[in-house]
PDB file of N, CA and C in Angstrom:
ATOM      1  N   MET A   1     119.875 118.797  93.468  1.00  0.00           N
ATOM      2  CA  MET A   1     118.445 118.929  93.203  1.00  0.00           C
ATOM      3  C   MET A   1     117.688 118.345  94.394  1.00  0.00           C
ATOM      4  N   THR A   2     116.618 119.002  94.776  1.00  0.00           N
ATOM      5  CA  THR A   2     115.819 118.531  95.912  1.00  0.00           C
ATOM      6  C   THR A   2     115.045 117.271  95.514  1.00  0.00           C
ATOM      7  N   PRO A   3     114.659 116.459  96.494  1.00  0.00           N
ATOM      8  CA  PRO A   3     113.826 115.295  96.181  1.00  0.00           C
ATOM      9  C   PRO A   3     112.522 115.695  95.486  1.00  0.00           C
ATOM     10  N   GLU A   4     111.968 116.835  95.882  1.00  0.00           N
ATOM     11  CA  GLU A   4     110.719 117.293  95.282  1.00  0.00           C
ATOM     12  C   GLU A   4     110.892 117.580  93.792  1.00  0.00           C
ATOM     13  N   LEU A   5     112.014 118.206  93.419  1.00  0.00           N
ATOM     14  CA  LEU A   5     112.268 118.477  92.000  1.00  0.00           C
ATOM     15  C   LEU A   5     112.559 117.196  91.226  1.00  0.00           C
ATOM     16  N   THR A   6     113.239 116.257  91.863  1.00  0.00           N
ATOM     17  CA  THR A   6     113.467 114.959  91.219  1.00  0.00           C
ATOM     18  C   THR A   6     112.137 114.275  90.943  1.00  0.00           C
ATOM     19  N   ILE A   7     111.246 114.305  91.915  1.00  0.00           N
ATOM     20  CA  ILE A   7     109.931 113.681  91.753  1.00  0.00           C
ATOM     21  C   ILE A   7     109.113 114.414  90.705  1.00  0.00           C
ATOM     22  N   LEU A   8     109.217 115.730  90.658  1.00  0.00           N
ATOM     23  CA  LEU A   8     108.529 116.492  89.612  1.00  0.00           C
ATOM     24  C   LEU A   8     109.020 116.069  88.229  1.00  0.00           C
ATOM     25  N   THR A   9     110.310 115.880  88.081  1.00  0.00           N
ATOM     26  CA  THR A   9     110.868 115.443  86.802  1.00  0.00           C
ATOM     27  C   THR A   9     110.391 114.036  86.456  1.00  0.00           C
ATOM     28  N   LEU A  10     110.353 113.156  87.439  1.00  0.00           N
ATOM     29  CA  LEU A  10     109.837 111.802  87.202  1.00  0.00           C
ATOM     30  C   LEU A  10     108.359 111.842  86.813  1.00  0.00           C
ATOM     31  N   ALA A  11     107.597 112.713  87.448  1.00  0.00           N
ATOM     32  CA  ALA A  11     106.177 112.855  87.109  1.00  0.00           C
ATOM     33  C   ALA A  11     106.012 113.376  85.685  1.00  0.00           C
ATOM     34  N   ALA A  12     106.904 114.268  85.257  1.00  0.00           N
ATOM     35  CA  ALA A  12     106.860 114.762  83.878  1.00  0.00           C
ATOM     36  C   ALA A  12     107.186 113.637  82.896  1.00  0.00           C
ATOM     37  N   LEU A  13     108.148 112.799  83.244  1.00  0.00           N
ATOM     38  CA  LEU A  13     108.453 111.641  82.391  1.00  0.00           C
ATOM     39  C   LEU A  13     107.279 110.663  82.361  1.00  0.00           C
ATOM     40  N   TRP A  14     106.571 110.547  83.473  1.00  0.00           N
ATOM     41  CA  TRP A  14     105.375 109.700  83.515  1.00  0.00           C
ATOM     42  C   TRP A  14     104.304 110.260  82.575  1.00  0.00           C
ATOM     43  N   GLN A  15     104.269 111.585  82.427  1.00  0.00           N
ATOM     44  CA  GLN A  15     103.350 112.206  81.468  1.00  0.00           C
ATOM     45  C   GLN A  15     103.706 111.782  80.046  1.00  0.00           C
ATOM     46  N   VAL A  16     104.989 111.646  79.759  1.00  0.00           N
ATOM     47  CA  VAL A  16     105.426 111.170  78.441  1.00  0.00           C
ATOM     48  C   VAL A  16     104.899 109.757  78.203  1.00  0.00           C
ATOM     49  N   VAL A  17     104.946 108.916  79.226  1.00  0.00           N
ATOM     50  CA  VAL A  17     104.399 107.557  79.113  1.00  0.00           C
ATOM     51  C   VAL A  17     102.906 107.621  78.828  1.00  0.00           C
ATOM     52  N   HIS A  18     102.188 108.479  79.539  1.00  0.00           N
ATOM     53  CA  HIS A  18     100.752 108.664  79.287  1.00  0.00           C
ATOM     54  C   HIS A  18     100.508 109.037  77.828  1.00  0.00           C
ATOM     55  N   PHE A  19     101.272 110.019  77.344  1.00  0.00           N
ATOM     56  CA  PHE A  19     101.071 110.501  75.983  1.00  0.00           C
ATOM     57  C   PHE A  19     101.368 109.408  74.960  1.00  0.00           C
ATOM     58  N   ALA A  20     102.446 108.662  75.165  1.00  0.00           N
ATOM     59  CA  ALA A  20     102.798 107.589  74.233  1.00  0.00           C
ATOM     60  C   ALA A  20     101.716 106.514  74.212  1.00  0.00           C
ATOM     61  N   LEU A  21     101.242 106.135  75.381  1.00  0.00           N
ATOM     62  CA  LEU A  21     100.194 105.116  75.466  1.00  0.00           C
ATOM     63  C   LEU A  21      98.917 105.598  74.793  1.00  0.00           C
ATOM     64  N   TYR A  22      98.547 106.838  75.064  1.00  0.00           N
ATOM     65  CA  TYR A  22      97.367 107.420  74.420  1.00  0.00           C
ATOM     66  C   TYR A  22      97.540 107.448  72.906  1.00  0.00           C
ATOM     67  N   SER A  23      98.689 107.901  72.440  1.00  0.00           N
ATOM     68  CA  SER A  23      98.920 108.018  70.998  1.00  0.00           C
ATOM     69  C   SER A  23      98.817 106.671  70.297  1.00  0.00           C
ATOM     70  N   VAL A  24      99.447 105.669  70.872  1.00  0.00           N
ATOM     71  CA  VAL A  24      99.431 104.334  70.258  1.00  0.00           C
ATOM     72  C   VAL A  24      98.021 103.754  70.247  1.00  0.00           C
ATOM     73  N   THR A  25      97.333 103.827  71.374  1.00  0.00           N
ATOM     74  CA  THR A  25      95.992 103.228  71.435  1.00  0.00           C
ATOM     75  C   THR A  25      94.992 103.999  70.582  1.00  0.00           C
ATOM     76  N   ALA A  26      95.119 105.321  70.543  1.00  0.00           N
ATOM     77  CA  ALA A  26      94.199 106.127  69.730  1.00  0.00           C
ATOM     78  C   ALA A  26      94.419 105.867  68.248  1.00  0.00           C
ATOM     79  N   GLN A  27      95.673 105.800  67.837  1.00  0.00           N
ATOM     80  CA  GLN A  27      95.950 105.562  66.417  1.00  0.00           C
ATOM     81  C   GLN A  27      95.466 104.178  65.993  1.00  0.00           C
ATOM     82  N   ARG A  28      95.597 103.205  66.861  1.00  0.00           N
ATOM     83  CA  ARG A  28      95.070 101.867  66.540  1.00  0.00           C
ATOM     84  C   ARG A  28      93.562 101.919  66.332  1.00  0.00           C
ATOM     85  N   GLN A  29      92.892 102.759  67.105  1.00  0.00           N
ATOM     86  CA  GLN A  29      91.439 102.825  67.017  1.00  0.00           C
ATOM     87  C   GLN A  29      90.955 103.624  65.813  1.00  0.00           C
ATOM     88  N   VAL A  30      91.565 104.765  65.545  1.00  0.00           N
ATOM     89  CA  VAL A  30      91.076 105.629  64.460  1.00  0.00           C
ATOM     90  C   VAL A  30      91.792 105.394  63.144  1.00  0.00           C
ATOM     91  N   GLY A  31      92.942 104.736  63.184  1.00  0.00           N
ATOM     92  CA  GLY A  31      93.703 104.466  61.972  1.00  0.00           C
ATOM     93  C   GLY A  31      94.684 105.577  61.652  1.00  0.00           C
ATOM     94  N   PRO A  32      95.744 105.229  60.923  1.00  0.00           N
ATOM     95  CA  PRO A  32      96.793 106.212  60.633  1.00  0.00           C
ATOM     96  C   PRO A  32      96.330 107.352  59.724  1.00  0.00           C
ATOM     97  N   LYS A  33      95.382 107.080  58.830  1.00  0.00           N
ATOM     98  CA  LYS A  33      94.914 108.132  57.921  1.00  0.00           C
ATOM     99  C   LYS A  33      94.235 109.252  58.718  1.00  0.00           C
ATOM    100  N   TYR A  34      93.335 108.884  59.615  1.00  0.00           N
ATOM    101  CA  TYR A  34      92.664 109.902  60.434  1.00  0.00           C
ATOM    102  C   TYR A  34      93.663 110.585  61.370  1.00  0.00           C
ATOM    103  N   ALA A  35      94.579 109.802  61.956  1.00  0.00           N
ATOM    104  CA  ALA A  35      95.559 110.367  62.891  1.00  0.00           C
ATOM    105  C   ALA A  35      96.440 111.417  62.211  1.00  0.00           C
ATOM    106  N   ALA A  36      96.727 111.232  60.921  1.00  0.00           N
ATOM    107  CA  ALA A  36      97.570 112.180  60.182  1.00  0.00           C
ATOM    108  C   ALA A  36      96.765 113.334  59.579  1.00  0.00           C
ATOM    109  N   SER A  37      95.459 113.253  59.663  1.00  0.00           N
ATOM    110  CA  SER A  37      94.598 114.283  59.071  1.00  0.00           C
ATOM    111  C   SER A  37      94.512 115.505  59.988  1.00  0.00           C
ATOM    112  N   PRO A  38      93.874 116.595  59.520  1.00  0.00           N
ATOM    113  CA  PRO A  38      93.690 117.767  60.391  1.00  0.00           C
ATOM    114  C   PRO A  38      92.651 117.544  61.493  1.00  0.00           C
ATOM    115  N   ARG A  39      91.961 116.420  61.457  1.00  0.00           N
ATOM    116  CA  ARG A  39      90.977 116.026  62.487  1.00  0.00           C
ATOM    117  C   ARG A  39      89.878 117.067  62.658  1.00  0.00           C
ATOM    118  N   ASP A  40      89.381 117.564  61.533  1.00  0.00           N
ATOM    119  CA  ASP A  40      88.296 118.550  61.569  1.00  0.00           C
ATOM    120  C   ASP A  40      87.017 117.966  62.148  1.00  0.00           C
ATOM    121  N   THR A  41      86.824 116.676  61.960  1.00  0.00           N
ATOM    122  CA  THR A  41      85.668 115.989  62.523  1.00  0.00           C
ATOM    123  C   THR A  41      86.166 115.116  63.673  1.00  0.00           C
ATOM    124  N   PRO A  42      85.914 115.532  64.921  1.00  0.00           N
ATOM    125  CA  PRO A  42      86.425 114.752  66.053  1.00  0.00           C
ATOM    126  C   PRO A  42      85.774 113.375  66.143  1.00  0.00           C
ATOM    127  N   ARG A  43      86.535 112.433  66.624  1.00  0.00           N
ATOM    128  CA  ARG A  43      86.030 111.082  66.861  1.00  0.00           C
ATOM    129  C   ARG A  43      86.143 110.779  68.345  1.00  0.00           C
ATOM    130  N   GLN A  44      85.097 110.194  68.873  1.00  0.00           N
ATOM    131  CA  GLN A  44      85.071 109.808  70.284  1.00  0.00           C
ATOM    132  C   GLN A  44      85.856 108.513  70.451  1.00  0.00           C
ATOM    133  N   LEU A  45      86.867 108.538  71.300  1.00  0.00           N
ATOM    134  CA  LEU A  45      87.633 107.331  71.575  1.00  0.00           C
ATOM    135  C   LEU A  45      86.901 106.508  72.627  1.00  0.00           C
ATOM    136  N   THR A  46      86.975 105.200  72.480  1.00  0.00           N
ATOM    137  CA  THR A  46      86.307 104.293  73.412  1.00  0.00           C
ATOM    138  C   THR A  46      87.311 103.276  73.945  1.00  0.00           C
ATOM    139  N   GLY A  47      86.875 102.524  74.926  1.00  0.00           N
ATOM    140  CA  GLY A  47      87.707 101.452  75.464  1.00  0.00           C
ATOM    141  C   GLY A  47      89.019 101.968  76.029  1.00  0.00           C
ATOM    142  N   ILE A  48      90.082 101.189  75.811  1.00  0.00           N
ATOM    143  CA  ILE A  48      91.397 101.534  76.348  1.00  0.00           C
ATOM    144  C   ILE A  48      91.879 102.885  75.825  1.00  0.00           C
ATOM    145  N   ALA A  49      91.641 103.178  74.545  1.00  0.00           N
ATOM    146  CA  ALA A  49      92.084 104.459  73.977  1.00  0.00           C
ATOM    147  C   ALA A  49      91.396 105.625  74.687  1.00  0.00           C
ATOM    148  N   GLY A  50      90.111 105.519  74.928  1.00  0.00           N
ATOM    149  CA  GLY A  50      89.387 106.569  75.641  1.00  0.00           C
ATOM    150  C   GLY A  50      89.868 106.709  77.069  1.00  0.00           C
ATOM    151  N   ARG A  51      90.118 105.580  77.708  1.00  0.00           N
ATOM    152  CA  ARG A  51      90.616 105.630  79.086  1.00  0.00           C
ATOM    153  C   ARG A  51      92.014 106.235  79.133  1.00  0.00           C
ATOM    154  N   ALA A  52      92.855 105.871  78.164  1.00  0.00           N
ATOM    155  CA  ALA A  52      94.213 106.425  78.112  1.00  0.00           C
ATOM    156  C   ALA A  52      94.164 107.940  77.918  1.00  0.00           C
ATOM    157  N   GLN A  53      93.248 108.398  77.072  1.00  0.00           N
ATOM    158  CA  GLN A  53      93.100 109.837  76.843  1.00  0.00           C
ATOM    159  C   GLN A  53      92.643 110.544  78.125  1.00  0.00           C
ATOM    160  N   ARG A  54      91.661 109.981  78.802  1.00  0.00           N
ATOM    161  CA  ARG A  54      91.153 110.608  80.029  1.00  0.00           C
ATOM    162  C   ARG A  54      92.190 110.565  81.154  1.00  0.00           C
ATOM    163  N   ALA A  55      92.943 109.469  81.242  1.00  0.00           N
ATOM    164  CA  ALA A  55      93.998 109.383  82.257  1.00  0.00           C
ATOM    165  C   ALA A  55      95.095 110.408  81.981  1.00  0.00           C
ATOM    166  N   MET A  56      95.439 110.593  80.700  1.00  0.00           N
ATOM    167  CA  MET A  56      96.449 111.580  80.333  1.00  0.00           C
ATOM    168  C   MET A  56      95.980 112.986  80.706  1.00  0.00           C
ATOM    169  N   THR A  57      94.732 113.293  80.394  1.00  0.00           N
ATOM    170  CA  THR A  57      94.178 114.605  80.731  1.00  0.00           C
ATOM    171  C   THR A  57      94.184 114.811  82.241  1.00  0.00           C
ATOM    172  N   ASN A  58      93.797 113.779  82.985  1.00  0.00           N
ATOM    173  CA  ASN A  58      93.788 113.873  84.441  1.00  0.00           C
ATOM    174  C   ASN A  58      95.192 114.127  84.973  1.00  0.00           C
ATOM    175  N   HIS A  59      96.178 113.452  84.388  1.00  0.00           N
ATOM    176  CA  HIS A  59      97.552 113.653  84.852  1.00  0.00           C
ATOM    177  C   HIS A  59      98.036 115.071  84.544  1.00  0.00           C
ATOM    178  N   PHE A  60      97.693 115.593  83.361  1.00  0.00           N
ATOM    179  CA  PHE A  60      98.037 116.987  83.046  1.00  0.00           C
ATOM    180  C   PHE A  60      97.463 117.928  84.103  1.00  0.00           C
ATOM    181  N   GLU A  61      96.202 117.717  84.455  1.00  0.00           N
ATOM    182  CA  GLU A  61      95.531 118.590  85.423  1.00  0.00           C
ATOM    183  C   GLU A  61      96.204 118.528  86.789  1.00  0.00           C
ATOM    184  N   GLY A  62      96.554 117.329  87.226  1.00  0.00           N
ATOM    185  CA  GLY A  62      97.213 117.185  88.519  1.00  0.00           C
ATOM    186  C   GLY A  62      98.658 117.646  88.499  1.00  0.00           C
ATOM    187  N   LEU A  63      99.327 117.417  87.367  1.00  0.00           N
ATOM    188  CA  LEU A  63     100.744 117.756  87.267  1.00  0.00           C
ATOM    189  C   LEU A  63     100.983 119.257  87.384  1.00  0.00           C
ATOM    190  N   ILE A  64     100.105 120.059  86.824  1.00  0.00           N
ATOM    191  CA  ILE A  64     100.312 121.508  86.911  1.00  0.00           C
ATOM    192  C   ILE A  64     100.217 121.984  88.362  1.00  0.00           C
ATOM    193  N   LEU A  65      99.274 121.452  89.119  1.00  0.00           N
ATOM    194  CA  LEU A  65      99.162 121.834  90.533  1.00  0.00           C
ATOM    195  C   LEU A  65     100.377 121.355  91.324  1.00  0.00           C
ATOM    196  N   PHE A  66     100.805 120.123  91.044  1.00  0.00           N
ATOM    197  CA  PHE A  66     101.979 119.582  91.729  1.00  0.00           C
ATOM    198  C   PHE A  66     103.224 120.392  91.374  1.00  0.00           C
ATOM    199  N   ALA A  67     103.347 120.784  90.119  1.00  0.00           N
ATOM    200  CA  ALA A  67     104.501 121.586  89.697  1.00  0.00           C
ATOM    201  C   ALA A  67     104.511 122.937  90.405  1.00  0.00           C
ATOM    202  N   ILE A  68     103.352 123.571  90.490  1.00  0.00           N
ATOM    203  CA  ILE A  68     103.271 124.860  91.194  1.00  0.00           C
ATOM    204  C   ILE A  68     103.711 124.689  92.644  1.00  0.00           C
ATOM    205  N   ALA A  69     103.208 123.654  93.302  1.00  0.00           N
ATOM    206  CA  ALA A  69     103.569 123.413  94.704  1.00  0.00           C
ATOM    207  C   ALA A  69     105.065 123.154  94.844  1.00  0.00           C
ATOM    208  N   THR A  70     105.589 122.276  94.018  1.00  0.00           N
ATOM    209  CA  THR A  70     106.999 121.894  94.103  1.00  0.00           C
ATOM    210  C   THR A  70     107.928 123.071  93.821  1.00  0.00           C
ATOM    211  N   LEU A  71     107.625 123.806  92.769  1.00  0.00           N
ATOM    212  CA  LEU A  71     108.483 124.939  92.410  1.00  0.00           C
ATOM    213  C   LEU A  71     108.400 126.058  93.449  1.00  0.00           C
ATOM    214  N   THR A  72     107.211 126.289  93.981  1.00  0.00           N
ATOM    215  CA  THR A  72     107.058 127.315  95.015  1.00  0.00           C
ATOM    216  C   THR A  72     107.812 126.927  96.278  1.00  0.00           C
ATOM    217  N   LEU A  73     107.654 125.682  96.705  1.00  0.00           N
ATOM    218  CA  LEU A  73     108.366 125.217  97.897  1.00  0.00           C
ATOM    219  C   LEU A  73     109.877 125.306  97.713  1.00  0.00           C
ATOM    220  N   THR A  74     110.357 124.923  96.550  1.00  0.00           N
ATOM    221  CA  THR A  74     111.795 124.952  96.288  1.00  0.00           C
ATOM    222  C   THR A  74     112.306 126.389  96.246  1.00  0.00           C
ATOM    223  N   TYR A  75     111.602 127.238  95.532  1.00  0.00           N
ATOM    224  CA  TYR A  75     112.013 128.642  95.417  1.00  0.00           C
ATOM    225  C   TYR A  75     112.013 129.335  96.781  1.00  0.00           C
ATOM    226  N   ALA A  76     111.036 129.008  97.608  1.00  0.00           N
ATOM    227  CA  ALA A  76     110.926 129.619  98.939  1.00  0.00           C
ATOM    228  C   ALA A  76     111.805 128.920  99.975  1.00  0.00           C
ATOM    229  N   ASP A  77     112.544 127.902  99.546  1.00  0.00           N
ATOM    230  CA  ASP A  77     113.417 127.132 100.436  1.00  0.00           C
ATOM    231  C   ASP A  77     112.640 126.548 101.616  1.00  0.00           C
ATOM    232  N   LYS A  78     111.484 125.948 101.301  1.00  0.00           N
ATOM    233  CA  LYS A  78     110.630 125.354 102.328  1.00  0.00           C
ATOM    234  C   LYS A  78     110.532 123.837 102.191  1.00  0.00           C
ATOM    235  N   THR A  79     111.481 123.218 101.512  1.00  0.00           N
ATOM    236  CA  THR A  79     111.442 121.765 101.354  1.00  0.00           C
ATOM    237  C   THR A  79     112.035 121.091 102.588  1.00  0.00           C
ATOM    238  N   GLY A  80     111.648 119.854 102.797  1.00  0.00           N
ATOM    239  CA  GLY A  80     112.147 119.084 103.928  1.00  0.00           C
ATOM    240  C   GLY A  80     111.597 117.673 103.858  1.00  0.00           C
ATOM    241  N   ASP A  81     111.726 116.952 104.952  1.00  0.00           N
ATOM    242  CA  ASP A  81     111.275 115.559 104.981  1.00  0.00           C
ATOM    243  C   ASP A  81     109.781 115.434 104.693  1.00  0.00           C
ATOM    244  N   THR A  82     108.985 116.325 105.263  1.00  0.00           N
ATOM    245  CA  THR A  82     107.530 116.252 105.066  1.00  0.00           C
ATOM    246  C   THR A  82     107.162 116.495 103.615  1.00  0.00           C
ATOM    247  N   THR A  83     107.748 117.520 103.012  1.00  0.00           N
ATOM    248  CA  THR A  83     107.406 117.814 101.617  1.00  0.00           C
ATOM    249  C   THR A  83     107.927 116.724 100.683  1.00  0.00           C
ATOM    250  N   ALA A  84     109.074 116.148 100.992  1.00  0.00           N
ATOM    251  CA  ALA A  84     109.599 115.044 100.179  1.00  0.00           C
ATOM    252  C   ALA A  84     108.675 113.832 100.269  1.00  0.00           C
ATOM    253  N   MET A  85     108.183 113.549 101.479  1.00  0.00           N
ATOM    254  CA  MET A  85     107.273 112.420 101.665  1.00  0.00           C
ATOM    255  C   MET A  85     105.952 112.654 100.928  1.00  0.00           C
ATOM    256  N   LEU A  86     105.430 113.866 100.997  1.00  0.00           N
ATOM    257  CA  LEU A  86     104.186 114.182 100.290  1.00  0.00           C
ATOM    258  C   LEU A  86     104.381 114.098  98.774  1.00  0.00           C
ATOM    259  N   ALA A  87     105.521 114.551  98.292  1.00  0.00           N
ATOM    260  CA  ALA A  87     105.814 114.454  96.861  1.00  0.00           C
ATOM    261  C   ALA A  87     105.900 112.991  96.430  1.00  0.00           C
ATOM    262  N   ALA A  88     106.533 112.165  97.244  1.00  0.00           N
ATOM    263  CA  ALA A  88     106.630 110.733  96.938  1.00  0.00           C
ATOM    264  C   ALA A  88     105.250 110.082  96.936  1.00  0.00           C
ATOM    265  N   LEU A  89     104.385 110.492  97.854  1.00  0.00           N
ATOM    266  CA  LEU A  89     103.015 109.980  97.885  1.00  0.00           C
ATOM    267  C   LEU A  89     102.279 110.357  96.607  1.00  0.00           C
ATOM    268  N   TYR A  90     102.445 111.611  96.170  1.00  0.00           N
ATOM    269  CA  TYR A  90     101.837 112.052  94.911  1.00  0.00           C
ATOM    270  C   TYR A  90     102.285 111.152  93.762  1.00  0.00           C
ATOM    271  N   LEU A  91     103.597 110.936  93.643  1.00  0.00           N
ATOM    272  CA  LEU A  91     104.110 110.139  92.526  1.00  0.00           C
ATOM    273  C   LEU A  91     103.629 108.696  92.608  1.00  0.00           C
ATOM    274  N   ALA A  92     103.633 108.116  93.794  1.00  0.00           N
ATOM    275  CA  ALA A  92     103.161 106.735  93.950  1.00  0.00           C
ATOM    276  C   ALA A  92     101.704 106.609  93.511  1.00  0.00           C
ATOM    277  N   ALA A  93     100.887 107.568  93.920  1.00  0.00           N
ATOM    278  CA  ALA A  93      99.473 107.541  93.527  1.00  0.00           C
ATOM    279  C   ALA A  93      99.333 107.662  92.016  1.00  0.00           C
ATOM    280  N   ARG A  94     100.127 108.540  91.402  1.00  0.00           N
ATOM    281  CA  ARG A  94     100.046 108.718  89.945  1.00  0.00           C
ATOM    282  C   ARG A  94     100.507 107.467  89.208  1.00  0.00           C
ATOM    283  N   LEU A  95     101.532 106.800  89.728  1.00  0.00           N
ATOM    284  CA  LEU A  95     102.021 105.574  89.088  1.00  0.00           C
ATOM    285  C   LEU A  95     100.978 104.464  89.142  1.00  0.00           C
ATOM    286  N   LEU A  96     100.222 104.411  90.225  1.00  0.00           N
ATOM    287  CA  LEU A  96      99.176 103.396  90.364  1.00  0.00           C
ATOM    288  C   LEU A  96      97.896 103.776  89.622  1.00  0.00           C
ATOM    289  N   TYR A  97      97.668 105.068  89.455  1.00  0.00           N
ATOM    290  CA  TYR A  97      96.418 105.550  88.865  1.00  0.00           C
ATOM    291  C   TYR A  97      96.269 105.134  87.404  1.00  0.00           C
ATOM    292  N   LEU A  98      97.337 105.227  86.631  1.00  0.00           N
ATOM    293  CA  LEU A  98      97.236 104.900  85.205  1.00  0.00           C
ATOM    294  C   LEU A  98      96.766 103.465  84.973  1.00  0.00           C
ATOM    295  N   PRO A  99      97.411 102.449  85.552  1.00  0.00           N
ATOM    296  CA  PRO A  99      96.883 101.098  85.323  1.00  0.00           C
ATOM    297  C   PRO A  99      95.481 100.904  85.896  1.00  0.00           C
ATOM    298  N   ALA A 100      95.189 101.547  87.027  1.00  0.00           N
ATOM    299  CA  ALA A 100      93.844 101.430  87.601  1.00  0.00           C
ATOM    300  C   ALA A 100      92.800 101.991  86.646  1.00  0.00           C
ATOM    301  N   TYR A 101      93.110 103.101  85.999  1.00  0.00           N
ATOM    302  CA  TYR A 101      92.176 103.710  85.044  1.00  0.00           C
ATOM    303  C   TYR A 101      92.047 102.836  83.801  1.00  0.00           C
ATOM    304  N   LEU A 102      93.182 102.389  83.270  1.00  0.00           N
ATOM    305  CA  LEU A 102      93.153 101.581  82.046  1.00  0.00           C
ATOM    306  C   LEU A 102      92.383 100.281  82.238  1.00  0.00           C
ATOM    307  N   LEU A 103      92.487  99.708  83.426  1.00  0.00           N
ATOM    308  CA  LEU A 103      91.817  98.438  83.707  1.00  0.00           C
ATOM    309  C   LEU A 103      90.389  98.622  84.205  1.00  0.00           C
ATOM    310  N   GLY A 104      89.957  99.873  84.363  1.00  0.00           N
ATOM    311  CA  GLY A 104      88.582 100.147  84.770  1.00  0.00           C
ATOM    312  C   GLY A 104      88.272  99.763  86.198  1.00  0.00           C
ATOM    313  N   TRP A 105      89.243  99.886  87.068  1.00  0.00           N
ATOM    314  CA  TRP A 105      89.044  99.522  88.472  1.00  0.00           C
ATOM    315  C   TRP A 105      88.230 100.598  89.194  1.00  0.00           C
ATOM    316  N   THR A 106      86.964 100.310  89.402  1.00  0.00           N
ATOM    317  CA  THR A 106      86.130 101.217  90.184  1.00  0.00           C
ATOM    318  C   THR A 106      85.680 100.478  91.436  1.00  0.00           C
ATOM    319  N   PRO A 107      85.676 101.085  92.580  1.00  0.00           N
ATOM    320  CA  PRO A 107      86.014 102.474  92.899  1.00  0.00           C
ATOM    321  C   PRO A 107      87.499 102.686  93.183  1.00  0.00           C
ATOM    322  N   TRP A 108      88.318 101.658  92.967  1.00  0.00           N
ATOM    323  CA  TRP A 108      89.734 101.722  93.339  1.00  0.00           C
ATOM    324  C   TRP A 108      90.458 102.879  92.667  1.00  0.00           C
ATOM    325  N   ARG A 109      90.094 103.165  91.429  1.00  0.00           N
ATOM    326  CA  ARG A 109      90.746 104.265  90.714  1.00  0.00           C
ATOM    327  C   ARG A 109      90.638 105.563  91.520  1.00  0.00           C
ATOM    328  N   SER A 110      89.445 105.860  91.997  1.00  0.00           N
ATOM    329  CA  SER A 110      89.239 107.089  92.775  1.00  0.00           C
ATOM    330  C   SER A 110      89.954 107.030  94.119  1.00  0.00           C
ATOM    331  N   LEU A 111      89.982 105.860  94.715  1.00  0.00           N
ATOM    332  CA  LEU A 111      90.668 105.708  96.001  1.00  0.00           C
ATOM    333  C   LEU A 111      92.179 105.843  95.842  1.00  0.00           C
ATOM    334  N   ILE A 112      92.699 105.487  94.681  1.00  0.00           N
ATOM    335  CA  ILE A 112      94.127 105.668  94.392  1.00  0.00           C
ATOM    336  C   ILE A 112      94.420 107.140  94.100  1.00  0.00           C
ATOM    337  N   TRP A 113      93.509 107.806  93.393  1.00  0.00           N
ATOM    338  CA  TRP A 113      93.694 109.209  93.015  1.00  0.00           C
ATOM    339  C   TRP A 113      93.698 110.134  94.236  1.00  0.00           C
ATOM    340  N   ALA A 114      92.824 109.879  95.190  1.00  0.00           N
ATOM    341  CA  ALA A 114      92.606 110.790  96.322  1.00  0.00           C
ATOM    342  C   ALA A 114      93.871 111.110  97.125  1.00  0.00           C
ATOM    343  N   PRO A 115      94.696 110.138  97.513  1.00  0.00           N
ATOM    344  CA  PRO A 115      95.899 110.498  98.281  1.00  0.00           C
ATOM    345  C   PRO A 115      96.865 111.390  97.499  1.00  0.00           C
ATOM    346  N   GLY A 116      96.976 111.170  96.208  1.00  0.00           N
ATOM    347  CA  GLY A 116      97.847 112.019  95.396  1.00  0.00           C
ATOM    348  C   GLY A 116      97.348 113.446  95.347  1.00  0.00           C
ATOM    349  N   PHE A 117      96.039 113.607  95.188  1.00  0.00           N
ATOM    350  CA  PHE A 117      95.462 114.949  95.176  1.00  0.00           C
ATOM    351  C   PHE A 117      95.603 115.600  96.547  1.00  0.00           C
ATOM    352  N   GLY A 118      95.343 114.815  97.593  1.00  0.00           N
ATOM    353  CA  GLY A 118      95.499 115.340  98.951  1.00  0.00           C
ATOM    354  C   GLY A 118      96.929 115.775  99.238  1.00  0.00           C
ATOM    355  N   ALA A 119      97.895 114.999  98.766  1.00  0.00           N
ATOM    356  CA  ALA A 119      99.303 115.365  98.952  1.00  0.00           C
ATOM    357  C   ALA A 119      99.617 116.673  98.238  1.00  0.00           C
ATOM    358  N   THR A 120      99.052 116.853  97.051  1.00  0.00           N
ATOM    359  CA  THR A 120      99.273 118.094  96.301  1.00  0.00           C
ATOM    360  C   THR A 120      98.687 119.287  97.043  1.00  0.00           C
ATOM    361  N   VAL A 121      97.475 119.141  97.542  1.00  0.00           N
ATOM    362  CA  VAL A 121      96.843 120.230  98.299  1.00  0.00           C
ATOM    363  C   VAL A 121      97.671 120.547  99.543  1.00  0.00           C
ATOM    364  N   ALA A 122      98.141 119.513 100.229  1.00  0.00           N
ATOM    365  CA  ALA A 122      98.970 119.733 101.419  1.00  0.00           C
ATOM    366  C   ALA A 122     100.253 120.486 101.059  1.00  0.00           C
ATOM    367  N   LEU A 123     100.862 120.137  99.936  1.00  0.00           N
ATOM    368  CA  LEU A 123     102.074 120.838  99.496  1.00  0.00           C
ATOM    369  C   LEU A 123     101.783 122.307  99.192  1.00  0.00           C
ATOM    370  N   LEU A 124     100.660 122.564  98.554  1.00  0.00           N
ATOM    371  CA  LEU A 124     100.286 123.951  98.260  1.00  0.00           C
ATOM    372  C   LEU A 124     100.084 124.751  99.548  1.00  0.00           C
ATOM    373  N   ILE A 125      99.439 124.129 100.528  1.00  0.00           N
ATOM    374  CA  ILE A 125      99.220 124.807 101.813  1.00  0.00           C
ATOM    375  C   ILE A 125     100.553 125.049 102.519  1.00  0.00           C
ATOM    376  N   LEU A 126     101.428 124.038 102.505  1.00  0.00           N
ATOM    377  CA  LEU A 126     102.740 124.202 103.140  1.00  0.00           C
ATOM    378  C   LEU A 126     103.562 125.303 102.470  1.00  0.00           C
ATOM    379  N   ALA A 127     103.348 125.506 101.192  1.00  0.00           N
ATOM    380  CA  ALA A 127     104.063 126.579 100.489  1.00  0.00           C
ATOM    381  C   ALA A 127     103.638 127.955 100.995  1.00  0.00           C
ATOM    382  N   LEU A 128     102.419 128.036 101.506  1.00  0.00           N
ATOM    383  CA  LEU A 128     101.889 129.326 101.963  1.00  0.00           C
ATOM    384  C   LEU A 128     102.190 129.638 103.428  1.00  0.00           C
ATOM    385  N   ILE A 129     102.506 128.610 104.206  1.00  0.00           N
ATOM    386  CA  ILE A 129     102.726 128.869 105.643  1.00  0.00           C
ATOM    387  C   ILE A 129     104.211 128.885 105.993  1.00  0.00           C
TER     388      ILE A 129
END
């Protein structure tokens, strides 16, 4: 397996961590009765639960782009040291982003997010050239 695919798998497992954290914090906030209900009336999550939900959504959005880049590069046999390094940068940024978001670190959260997004864009461009 290429380093890029290994990192993609690790990023997917990191999504599981996001989901678990969101689920636990949201259920603590809304209670088990509401969590088990059909949730016809949405409730706005606040604090850590709201941040966990937004961080999870952000990771989903970034993960799909990273997956497209990684799978395209692998399928086209265009992986190498540069793409592995960019993939590692993406994962490092994502690993730091979750605690930065949960702790409300501004503007650091955005400064942590930017290199990961930039690495993803670079991977997408490299897939095309």
